[in-house]
């Protein structure tokens, strides 16, 4: 069993020391990681190298060095693997003169699906496009085009689904539907890789994160584990109490507390041991007869982890 959070035990996609450069620009640098069943969020700011990475995973471009295996093979030399891979690119990538139904059916034809009409109908239903399936894509909103692209990627029932910013342009209802769909596909045992720079989306979709910053692997694992690994950065905790200044003075006497700030009756406490602080605060509050009405980590979210990783970029 692997102990490296960038690697999984039964990978369907593997990257081994992969680098990609375009002339003098290095887009991806020495990345080693793997993906397996479930939803993995590929997180990074715009320009971090996420799209380049996904294009290499699908064989659209070659790595400059390193090895990539999808279901045990390199797609460019084993094209049969594409029958098990669905891709939703970030670009528009639709034919505006076609209806959504004909576009999705065309994708099924290219994938060699036997029951073209049945597979097309199921894919349309999966993304909830039934009412608009016979309208031309030229009249679709960006969010509806995204759903049509997802349907086209799913029409061959692939084992692997690779999504590059799939929620761009979707409204809140569409976004929720797609997030639930991606999670369900992951729960079914498929490999779903979702690239996004929107932190809330990644946190809602995925249990595991691969973070890319400046083309390099910056962190991997679940959000809580990544945050715990940042041992040089103290946790920030919000504590609400009816005696903020008294409690602040008392907490500063505790060795596990690195600092306390009082802001409009709320304490912002820094500590290196979140669990120990959670046990200690109620004890101290009882000693000074203070009432605690709130205790909440302020930086355990993906947004705060991402902010630490990019270092203010």
Protein backbone atom coordinates (compact mmCIF):
# COMPACT_ATOMS: atom_id res chain seq x y z
CA UNK A 1 0.00 0.00 0.00
CA UNK A 2 1.49 3.32 -1.07
CA UNK A 3 2.19 5.99 1.54
CA UNK A 4 2.81 8.70 -1.06
CA UNK A 5 -0.39 10.81 -1.27
CA UNK A 6 0.36 11.65 -4.91
CA UNK A 7 0.03 7.96 -5.80
CA UNK A 8 -2.89 5.53 -5.54
CA UNK A 9 -2.80 1.78 -5.05
CA UNK A 10 -4.73 0.67 -8.14
CA UNK A 11 -4.03 3.39 -10.69
CA UNK A 12 -5.79 3.74 -14.01
CA UNK A 13 -3.63 6.75 -14.96
CA UNK A 14 0.07 7.09 -14.09
CA UNK A 15 2.51 9.94 -14.63
CA UNK A 16 6.19 9.20 -13.96
CA UNK A 17 8.54 12.20 -13.80
CA UNK A 18 6.68 13.96 -16.60
CA UNK A 19 7.92 17.27 -18.02
CA UNK A 20 6.58 19.27 -20.93
CA UNK A 21 8.21 22.32 -22.44
CA UNK A 22 7.29 24.52 -25.38
CA UNK A 23 10.46 26.15 -26.62
CA UNK A 24 11.95 27.91 -23.59
CA UNK A 25 8.73 27.68 -21.53
CA UNK A 26 8.35 24.80 -19.11
CA UNK A 27 4.62 24.12 -18.71
CA UNK A 28 4.83 20.97 -16.55
CA UNK A 29 7.92 20.06 -14.56
CA UNK A 30 8.86 16.62 -13.17
CA UNK A 31 5.36 15.59 -12.10
CA UNK A 32 4.88 12.12 -10.65
CA UNK A 33 1.36 11.20 -9.61
CA UNK A 34 -1.44 8.75 -10.36
CA UNK A 35 -5.22 8.60 -10.47
CA UNK A 36 -7.65 5.84 -9.63
CA UNK A 37 -11.34 5.31 -8.98
CA UNK A 38 -13.27 8.23 -7.54
CA UNK A 39 -13.09 11.95 -8.21
CA UNK A 40 -9.72 13.70 -8.09
CA UNK A 41 -9.62 17.48 -8.34
CA UNK A 42 -6.72 18.87 -10.36
CA UNK A 43 -6.32 22.27 -8.74
CA UNK A 44 -4.22 25.22 -9.77
CA UNK A 45 -4.38 28.87 -10.80
CA UNK A 46 -4.85 29.79 -14.45
CA UNK A 47 -1.61 29.09 -16.29
CA UNK A 48 -0.42 26.51 -13.76
CA UNK A 49 -0.12 23.74 -16.36
CA UNK A 50 -3.39 21.87 -15.73
CA UNK A 51 -4.61 21.85 -19.33
CA UNK A 52 -1.18 20.79 -20.62
CA UNK A 53 -1.23 17.94 -18.11
CA UNK A 54 -4.69 16.76 -19.20
CA UNK A 55 -3.72 16.93 -22.87
CA UNK A 56 -0.75 14.69 -22.14
CA UNK A 57 -2.93 12.25 -20.20
CA UNK A 58 -5.21 11.86 -23.21
CA UNK A 59 -2.33 11.57 -25.68
CA UNK A 60 -3.19 14.81 -27.47
CA UNK A 61 0.38 15.98 -26.90
CA UNK A 62 3.54 14.08 -26.01
CA UNK A 63 5.53 14.70 -22.83
CA UNK A 64 9.00 16.11 -23.43
CA UNK A 65 10.28 13.57 -20.93
CA UNK A 66 8.85 11.01 -18.54
CA UNK A 67 6.22 8.32 -19.02
CA UNK A 68 2.43 8.32 -19.02
CA UNK A 69 0.26 5.19 -18.86
CA UNK A 70 -3.51 5.08 -19.18
CA UNK A 71 -4.96 1.68 -18.29
CA UNK A 72 -1.41 0.40 -18.50
CA UNK A 73 -0.56 1.75 -21.96
CA UNK A 74 0.50 4.97 -23.70
CA UNK A 75 -2.58 6.10 -25.66
CA UNK A 76 -0.72 7.35 -28.74
CA UNK A 77 0.68 3.88 -29.40
CA UNK A 78 -2.42 1.98 -28.18
CA UNK A 79 -5.39 3.95 -29.54
CA UNK A 80 -7.89 1.25 -28.50
CA UNK A 81 -7.65 2.69 -25.00
CA UNK A 82 -9.63 5.72 -26.17
CA UNK A 83 -12.80 3.63 -26.07
CA UNK A 84 -12.49 3.79 -22.29
CA UNK A 85 -11.61 7.50 -22.00
CA UNK A 86 -14.02 10.43 -22.19
CA UNK A 87 -12.69 13.99 -22.50
CA UNK A 88 -14.45 17.29 -21.89
CA UNK A 89 -12.04 19.97 -23.16
CA UNK A 90 -12.07 23.53 -21.90
CA UNK A 91 -12.52 24.89 -25.44
CA UNK A 92 -15.98 25.16 -27.00
CA UNK A 93 -15.33 22.04 -29.16
CA UNK A 94 -18.87 21.72 -30.50
CA UNK A 95 -20.37 21.95 -34.00
CA UNK A 96 -22.84 24.86 -33.84
CA UNK A 97 -24.82 23.72 -36.88
CA UNK A 98 -25.62 20.36 -35.26
CA UNK A 99 -28.32 19.66 -32.73
CA UNK A 100 -27.19 18.37 -29.35
CA UNK A 101 -28.68 14.97 -30.20
CA UNK A 102 -26.80 14.68 -33.51
CA UNK A 103 -23.59 15.92 -31.86
CA UNK A 104 -23.79 13.32 -29.09
CA UNK A 105 -24.76 10.60 -31.58
CA UNK A 106 -21.76 11.55 -33.71
CA UNK A 107 -19.52 11.11 -30.65
CA UNK A 108 -21.07 7.67 -30.12
CA UNK A 109 -20.38 6.78 -33.76
CA UNK A 110 -16.73 7.79 -33.47
CA UNK A 111 -16.42 5.69 -30.31
CA UNK A 112 -17.82 2.61 -32.03
CA UNK A 113 -20.91 2.33 -29.82
CA UNK A 114 -23.29 -0.40 -30.99
CA UNK A 115 -26.65 0.99 -29.85
CA UNK A 116 -26.27 4.54 -31.15
CA UNK A 117 -29.78 5.78 -30.47
CA UNK A 118 -30.04 4.15 -27.05
CA UNK A 119 -26.63 5.39 -25.91
CA UNK A 120 -27.41 8.89 -27.19
CA UNK A 121 -30.73 8.99 -25.36
CA UNK A 122 -29.15 7.80 -22.10
CA UNK A 123 -26.37 10.39 -22.30
CA UNK A 124 -28.89 13.18 -22.95
CA UNK A 125 -30.97 12.07 -19.98
CA UNK A 126 -27.88 11.86 -17.76
CA UNK A 127 -27.12 15.56 -18.25
CA UNK A 128 -30.80 16.62 -18.24
CA UNK A 129 -30.84 18.02 -21.79
CA UNK A 130 -33.96 16.21 -22.98
CA UNK A 131 -36.09 19.30 -23.55
CA UNK A 132 -33.43 20.97 -25.69
CA UNK A 133 -31.75 17.99 -27.36
CA UNK A 134 -33.15 18.74 -30.82
CA UNK A 135 -32.15 22.40 -30.84
CA UNK A 136 -28.99 23.51 -32.63
CA UNK A 137 -25.94 24.03 -30.45
CA UNK A 138 -25.54 27.51 -31.95
CA UNK A 139 -28.52 28.59 -29.83
CA UNK A 140 -27.25 27.03 -26.62
CA UNK A 141 -25.91 29.01 -23.69
CA UNK A 142 -22.35 28.24 -22.60
CA UNK A 143 -23.63 26.19 -19.68
CA UNK A 144 -25.86 24.10 -21.96
CA UNK A 145 -22.95 23.52 -24.34
CA UNK A 146 -20.92 22.29 -21.38
CA UNK A 147 -23.62 19.74 -20.60
CA UNK A 148 -23.69 18.63 -24.24
CA UNK A 149 -19.91 18.13 -24.12
CA UNK A 150 -20.26 16.05 -20.94
CA UNK A 151 -22.94 13.93 -22.60
CA UNK A 152 -20.69 13.38 -25.63
CA UNK A 153 -17.87 12.28 -23.32
CA UNK A 154 -20.18 9.87 -21.46
CA UNK A 155 -21.99 8.38 -24.46
CA UNK A 156 -19.54 5.45 -24.78
CA UNK A 157 -19.78 4.70 -21.03
CA UNK A 158 -16.02 5.25 -20.42
CA UNK A 159 -14.10 4.00 -17.42
CA UNK A 160 -12.10 7.25 -17.30
CA UNK A 161 -13.57 10.75 -17.56
CA UNK A 162 -11.25 13.76 -17.89
CA UNK A 163 -12.85 17.17 -17.45
CA UNK A 164 -11.14 20.50 -18.06
CA UNK A 165 -13.03 23.34 -16.32
CA UNK A 166 -16.36 21.58 -16.96
CA UNK A 167 -18.49 24.00 -14.95
CA UNK A 168 -17.48 27.16 -16.81
CA UNK A 169 -20.57 29.14 -17.79
CA UNK A 170 -23.06 26.95 -15.93
CA UNK A 171 -25.75 28.47 -13.77
CA UNK A 172 -26.20 27.34 -10.12
CA UNK A 173 -28.77 24.65 -10.99
CA UNK A 174 -26.66 23.26 -13.84
CA UNK A 175 -23.56 23.37 -11.65
CA UNK A 176 -25.21 21.41 -8.84
CA UNK A 177 -26.51 18.80 -11.28
CA UNK A 178 -23.06 18.27 -12.83
CA UNK A 179 -21.28 18.17 -9.47
CA UNK A 180 -23.69 15.48 -8.27
CA UNK A 181 -23.22 13.61 -11.54
CA UNK A 182 -19.42 13.61 -11.27
CA UNK A 183 -19.57 12.43 -7.67
CA UNK A 184 -21.95 9.63 -8.64
CA UNK A 185 -19.65 8.51 -11.46
CA UNK A 186 -16.75 8.43 -9.01
CA UNK A 187 -18.81 6.45 -6.52
CA UNK A 188 -19.50 3.91 -9.29
CA UNK A 189 -15.76 3.23 -9.45
CA UNK A 190 -14.86 5.32 -12.48
CA UNK A 191 -11.79 7.50 -12.61
CA UNK A 192 -12.92 11.13 -12.79
CA UNK A 193 -10.26 13.83 -13.09
CA UNK A 194 -11.67 17.35 -12.82
CA UNK A 195 -9.48 20.36 -13.50
CA UNK A 196 -10.58 23.67 -12.03
CA UNK A 197 -9.25 26.91 -10.59
CA UNK A 198 -12.51 27.48 -8.67
CA UNK A 199 -11.84 26.29 -5.14
CA UNK A 200 -15.42 25.77 -4.04
CA UNK A 201 -16.10 23.55 -7.06
CA UNK A 202 -13.13 21.29 -6.36
CA UNK A 203 -14.01 21.00 -2.68
CA UNK A 204 -17.60 20.00 -3.46
CA UNK A 205 -16.69 17.50 -6.18
CA UNK A 206 -13.61 15.67 -4.98
CA UNK A 207 -12.25 13.87 -1.96
CA UNK A 208 -8.68 13.98 -3.27
CA UNK A 209 -6.72 16.90 -4.66
CA UNK A 210 -3.65 17.17 -6.87
CA UNK A 211 -2.45 20.78 -6.66
CA UNK A 212 -0.27 22.17 -9.45
CA UNK A 213 1.55 25.49 -9.05
CA UNK A 214 3.92 26.83 -11.73
CA UNK A 215 3.83 23.45 -13.48
CA UNK A 216 5.03 21.55 -10.42
CA UNK A 217 3.25 19.22 -8.04
CA UNK A 218 2.62 21.39 -4.98
CA UNK A 219 0.50 19.05 -2.84
CA UNK A 220 -1.59 15.90 -3.00
CA UNK A 221 -4.13 14.10 -0.85
CA UNK A 222 -7.37 15.08 0.81
CA UNK A 223 -7.71 18.70 1.90
CA UNK A 224 -7.44 17.94 5.61
CA UNK A 225 -4.29 15.86 5.13
CA UNK A 226 -2.65 18.56 3.03
CA UNK A 227 -3.42 21.12 5.70
CA UNK A 228 -2.05 18.86 8.45
CA UNK A 229 1.17 18.41 6.47
CA UNK A 230 1.80 22.16 6.56
CA UNK A 231 3.48 21.90 9.92
CA UNK A 232 5.30 25.21 9.51
CA UNK A 233 2.02 27.15 9.19
CA UNK A 234 -0.09 27.50 12.37
CA UNK A 235 -3.82 26.88 12.33
CA UNK A 236 -6.13 29.86 12.77
CA UNK A 237 -9.24 29.28 14.85
CA UNK A 238 -12.17 31.60 15.51
CA UNK A 239 -13.48 31.45 19.07
CA UNK A 240 -16.69 33.27 20.05
CA UNK A 241 -17.16 33.98 23.75
CA UNK A 242 -18.85 36.37 26.17
CA UNK A 243 -15.46 37.23 27.77
CA UNK A 244 -13.13 37.75 24.79
CA UNK A 245 -10.37 39.77 26.46
CA UNK A 246 -10.24 37.68 29.60
CA UNK A 247 -10.13 34.46 27.58
CA UNK A 248 -7.51 35.91 25.23
CA UNK A 249 -5.22 36.79 28.12
CA UNK A 250 -5.65 33.34 29.62
CA UNK A 251 -5.04 31.49 26.34
CA UNK A 252 -1.79 33.37 25.80
CA UNK A 253 -0.48 31.54 28.89
CA UNK A 254 -0.94 28.21 27.08
CA UNK A 255 2.18 26.82 25.39
CA UNK A 256 0.19 25.45 22.44
CA UNK A 257 -1.13 28.93 21.60
CA UNK A 258 1.12 30.92 19.26
CA UNK A 259 -0.92 34.12 19.29
CA UNK A 260 -4.35 35.62 19.91
CA UNK A 261 -6.06 38.60 18.29
CA UNK A 262 -9.33 40.13 19.48
CA UNK A 263 -11.62 41.57 16.82
CA UNK A 264 -15.00 42.98 17.83
CA UNK A 265 -15.53 40.41 20.56
CA UNK A 266 -14.19 37.47 18.55
CA UNK A 267 -10.87 35.71 19.21
CA UNK A 268 -8.60 34.60 16.39
CA UNK A 269 -6.24 32.04 17.89
CA UNK A 270 -3.13 30.59 16.24
CA UNK A 271 -1.94 27.12 17.24
CA UNK A 272 0.20 24.30 15.94
CA UNK A 273 -2.13 21.63 17.36
CA UNK A 274 -5.76 22.09 16.41
CA UNK A 275 -7.06 19.04 18.28
CA UNK A 276 -5.25 19.97 21.51
CA UNK A 277 -6.63 23.50 21.33
CA UNK A 278 -10.13 22.11 20.88
CA UNK A 279 -9.71 20.13 24.09
CA UNK A 280 -8.07 22.94 26.05
CA UNK A 281 -10.36 25.90 25.27
CA UNK A 282 -13.42 24.49 27.14
CA UNK A 283 -11.23 23.76 30.19
CA UNK A 284 -9.84 27.29 30.26
CA UNK A 285 -13.31 28.76 29.69
CA UNK A 286 -14.65 26.91 32.72
CA UNK A 287 -11.76 28.18 34.84
CA UNK A 288 -12.66 31.81 34.10
CA UNK A 289 -16.43 31.23 33.93
CA UNK A 290 -16.62 32.18 30.26
CA UNK A 291 -19.21 30.89 27.82
CA UNK A 292 -18.01 29.56 24.43
CA UNK A 293 -20.56 30.04 21.65
CA UNK A 294 -18.37 29.19 18.66
CA UNK A 295 -15.16 27.33 17.81
CA UNK A 296 -14.33 27.10 14.11
CA UNK A 297 -11.08 26.59 12.19
CA UNK A 298 -10.65 29.50 9.80
CA UNK A 299 -8.11 27.98 7.44
CA UNK A 300 -8.95 24.30 7.06
CA UNK A 301 -10.75 24.91 3.77
CA UNK A 302 -9.38 24.28 0.31
CA UNK A 303 -9.28 28.04 -0.29
CA UNK A 304 -6.87 28.61 2.58
CA UNK A 305 -4.72 25.64 1.60
CA UNK A 306 -4.56 26.92 -1.95
CA UNK A 307 -3.63 30.41 -0.73
CA UNK A 308 -0.72 28.96 1.23
CA UNK A 309 0.43 26.87 -1.73
CA UNK A 310 0.54 29.69 -4.23
CA UNK A 311 2.19 32.02 -1.73
CA UNK A 312 0.33 35.14 -2.77
CA UNK A 313 0.73 34.70 -6.55
